[in-house]
Protein backbone atom coordinates (compact mmCIF):
# COMPACT_ATOMS: atom_id res chain seq x y z
CA MET A 1 -194.73 98.23 75.98
CA THR A 2 -196.04 97.65 79.49
CA GLN A 3 -198.12 100.37 81.10
CA THR A 4 -197.06 101.82 84.46
CA LEU A 5 -199.94 101.12 86.83
CA LEU A 6 -198.53 102.70 89.99
CA SER A 7 -195.74 105.25 90.18
CA ILE A 8 -194.54 106.65 93.50
CA LYS A 9 -191.96 109.42 93.39
CA GLY A 10 -190.21 110.82 96.47
CA LEU A 11 -192.94 109.87 98.97
CA VAL A 12 -192.35 111.29 102.44
CA THR A 13 -194.91 110.38 105.11
CA GLY A 14 -194.74 111.32 108.76
CA PHE A 15 -196.63 111.52 112.01
CA ASP A 16 -196.98 114.24 114.62
CA THR A 17 -196.47 112.69 118.05
CA ASP A 18 -196.23 114.00 121.60
CA GLU A 19 -192.45 113.80 121.21
CA GLY A 20 -192.44 115.68 117.89
CA HIS A 21 -192.59 114.82 114.19
CA VAL A 22 -191.52 111.32 113.10
CA THR A 23 -190.79 110.52 109.44
CA ALA A 24 -191.94 106.96 108.72
CA VAL A 25 -191.37 106.91 104.93
CA ASP A 26 -188.51 109.02 103.65
CA GLY A 27 -188.36 109.51 99.90
CA ILE A 28 -189.44 106.13 98.52
CA SER A 29 -189.86 105.81 94.75
CA ILE A 30 -191.50 102.78 93.12
CA ASP A 31 -192.83 101.94 89.67
CA VAL A 32 -195.18 98.97 89.25
CA GLN A 33 -196.07 97.90 85.72
CA ALA A 34 -199.44 96.35 84.84
CA GLY A 35 -199.29 92.63 85.59
CA GLU A 36 -196.32 92.92 87.93
CA THR A 37 -196.21 91.85 91.55
CA LEU A 38 -194.18 93.92 93.99
CA GLY A 39 -193.22 92.87 97.50
CA ILE A 40 -191.83 95.36 99.98
CA VAL A 41 -189.81 93.54 102.62
CA GLY A 42 -188.17 95.02 105.68
CA GLU A 43 -187.84 95.08 109.41
CA SER A 44 -190.74 95.89 111.69
CA GLY A 45 -191.32 99.64 111.73
CA CYS A 46 -189.46 100.37 108.49
CA GLY A 47 -192.50 101.89 106.73
CA LYS A 48 -194.01 99.04 104.70
CA SER A 49 -197.55 99.44 106.07
CA VAL A 50 -197.28 103.25 106.14
CA THR A 51 -196.39 103.16 102.44
CA ALA A 52 -199.53 101.07 101.74
CA LEU A 53 -201.70 103.36 103.89
CA SER A 54 -200.24 106.39 102.09
CA ILE A 55 -201.19 104.92 98.69
CA MET A 56 -204.75 104.40 99.97
CA ARG A 57 -204.76 107.76 101.82
CA LEU A 58 -205.86 105.98 104.96
CA LEU A 59 -203.32 107.49 107.35
CA PRO A 60 -204.70 108.15 110.83
CA GLN A 61 -205.87 111.73 111.03
CA PRO A 62 -204.89 114.34 112.02
CA MET A 63 -201.43 113.07 112.96
CA GLY A 64 -200.51 111.18 109.76
CA GLN A 65 -199.47 113.29 106.78
CA ILE A 66 -198.00 112.88 103.34
CA ALA A 67 -195.43 115.66 103.53
CA SER A 68 -194.26 115.45 99.91
CA GLY A 69 -194.08 113.26 96.87
CA GLU A 70 -196.44 111.92 94.25
CA ILE A 71 -198.50 108.74 94.00
CA HIS A 72 -199.76 108.24 90.45
CA PHE A 73 -202.28 105.51 89.72
CA GLU A 74 -203.80 105.22 86.24
CA GLY A 75 -202.53 108.73 85.48
CA LYS A 76 -204.08 110.38 88.58
CA ASP A 77 -202.04 111.83 91.43
CA LEU A 78 -203.74 110.23 94.44
CA VAL A 79 -202.14 112.74 96.82
CA GLN A 80 -203.96 115.61 95.09
CA LEU A 81 -207.21 113.75 94.37
CA PRO A 82 -210.29 115.13 96.18
CA LEU A 83 -211.52 112.78 98.91
CA ALA A 84 -214.78 111.99 97.06
CA GLU A 85 -212.77 110.84 94.03
CA MET A 86 -210.32 108.93 96.23
CA GLU A 87 -213.21 106.99 97.76
CA LYS A 88 -214.13 105.76 94.27
CA VAL A 89 -210.55 104.60 93.69
CA ARG A 90 -210.24 103.04 97.15
CA GLY A 91 -211.85 99.63 97.02
CA GLY A 92 -213.03 100.12 93.45
CA ARG A 93 -209.72 100.29 91.61
CA ILE A 94 -207.30 99.60 94.47
CA GLY A 95 -208.09 97.08 97.21
CA MET A 96 -206.36 96.75 100.57
CA VAL A 97 -205.92 93.67 102.71
CA PHE A 98 -205.17 95.05 106.15
CA GLN A 99 -202.46 93.62 108.36
CA GLU A 100 -204.71 93.37 111.40
CA PRO A 101 -208.34 92.38 110.60
CA MET A 102 -209.50 93.18 114.14
CA THR A 103 -208.76 96.87 113.58
CA ALA A 104 -210.56 96.85 110.23
CA LEU A 105 -213.84 95.43 111.55
CA ASN A 106 -216.53 96.83 113.81
CA PRO A 107 -216.89 94.37 116.73
CA VAL A 108 -220.57 95.27 117.21
CA HIS A 109 -221.69 93.92 113.82
CA THR A 110 -221.42 90.48 112.29
CA ILE A 111 -218.74 89.85 109.71
CA GLY A 112 -221.45 88.92 107.21
CA LYS A 113 -223.24 92.23 107.76
CA GLN A 114 -220.03 94.19 107.24
CA LEU A 115 -219.21 92.28 104.06
CA GLY A 116 -222.76 92.85 102.85
CA GLU A 117 -222.55 96.60 103.49
CA GLY A 118 -219.30 96.73 101.53
CA ILE A 119 -220.86 94.93 98.60
CA LEU A 120 -223.93 97.18 98.65
CA ARG A 121 -221.79 100.31 98.76
CA ARG A 122 -219.37 99.21 96.06
CA HIS A 123 -221.63 97.26 93.70
CA GLY A 124 -225.05 98.72 94.43
CA GLN A 125 -226.60 95.32 95.03
CA GLN A 126 -227.98 93.79 98.17
CA PRO A 127 -226.31 90.49 99.13
CA PRO A 128 -228.42 87.59 100.39
CA ASP A 129 -229.61 87.80 104.00
CA ARG A 130 -227.19 85.10 104.96
CA PHE A 131 -224.22 86.35 102.97
CA GLY A 132 -221.81 83.72 101.73
CA GLU A 133 -223.82 80.69 102.72
CA THR A 134 -225.05 77.95 100.45
CA GLU A 135 -228.55 76.51 100.80
CA ALA A 136 -227.16 73.53 102.71
CA ARG A 137 -225.39 75.76 105.20
CA GLN A 138 -228.57 77.78 105.74
CA ARG A 139 -230.14 74.66 107.21
CA ARG A 140 -227.46 74.35 109.87
CA THR A 141 -227.85 75.67 113.38
CA THR A 142 -227.01 79.21 114.41
CA ARG A 143 -224.07 77.94 116.45
CA GLN A 144 -222.50 76.27 113.41
CA ARG A 145 -223.01 79.46 111.45
CA GLN A 146 -221.27 81.50 114.13
CA GLN A 147 -218.33 79.11 114.16
CA SER A 148 -217.95 79.57 110.40
CA GLY A 149 -217.43 83.32 110.88
CA GLY A 150 -220.33 84.50 108.70
CA GLY A 151 -222.65 85.16 111.61
CA ALA A 152 -220.05 85.76 114.29
CA LYS A 153 -219.45 89.16 115.79
CA ALA A 154 -215.99 90.40 114.94
CA HIS A 155 -214.87 90.16 118.58
CA ASN A 156 -216.31 86.65 119.06
CA ARG A 157 -215.01 84.69 116.10
CA SER A 158 -212.37 82.01 115.90
CA ALA A 159 -208.80 83.32 115.62
CA MET A 160 -208.39 81.03 112.62
CA ILE A 161 -211.01 83.06 110.72
CA ASP A 162 -208.88 86.26 111.01
CA GLN A 163 -206.63 85.31 108.13
CA TYR A 164 -209.65 84.99 105.79
CA VAL A 165 -211.79 87.96 106.78
CA SER A 166 -209.68 90.85 105.52
CA PRO A 167 -208.87 89.32 102.09
CA ALA A 168 -212.55 88.38 101.67
CA PHE A 169 -213.60 91.93 102.48
CA ALA A 170 -211.08 93.38 100.02
CA LYS A 171 -212.19 90.99 97.26
CA ALA A 172 -215.90 91.52 97.94
CA THR A 173 -215.66 95.30 97.79
CA MET A 174 -213.33 95.59 94.80
CA THR A 175 -214.90 96.07 91.40
CA ASN A 176 -214.41 93.41 88.74
CA ASP A 177 -212.00 95.68 86.88
CA ALA A 178 -209.92 96.58 89.95
CA LYS A 179 -206.25 96.84 89.05
CA LEU A 180 -204.20 96.95 92.25
CA PRO A 181 -204.60 94.76 95.32
CA ILE A 182 -202.37 95.82 98.24
CA ALA A 183 -201.69 93.45 101.12
CA SER A 184 -200.15 94.76 104.32
CA ILE A 185 -199.09 91.57 106.06
C-alpha cells in the first residue's frame, strides 16, 4: 500500500486587491502518493503557481490568504502549522523551484553567497569560500568566475544561468531526506 505524501482537500486561496477580493484557487483537491510525480497544467493565471505557493505558505502578505481547505503533508496540516514549524518543513522536507529566479534572489549579493547562506541555515555547515568551484576553477580569473554565475551578482549574471540557479538553490537547501520537490515553471 502506497503512502499518501501530500493531500490537499478543498483548497481556496485568494487575494485582496484594490478592486476587491479575487479567488485564485477555488476548491482544488489533490492526493500525491509517495514516489508519484504530479504535473498541474493550465492556462496562464489559472492558479498553478498560487497552488504551489499555498502549499509552501509563501503567499504574499498581507493580501494573499488561504481562505479554506486543508494541506496535509506527512500527516501534518500545513495550513494550521505554526510558522516556526512550517519553516522547518519548507526547504527541509518540501523544496520549491521558483518560476522566476530573479524574484527569488537578492540582487545585492552573489549567487554563491546566497546558496552558501541557504546551506548554512539548512544543514548547519559552512560551505567553502568559493562555493561550488573545483580547485581548477579557483585558479581562473575573477571574470571567468563571474561568467559562471557563482560569483556574479544576481542582477549581473548571464540570462542562461537563470534556469540553473533556482533548482540549485532548492537542491542545496533541501535535506537529504526531503520528500517533495515542487517546481513552479
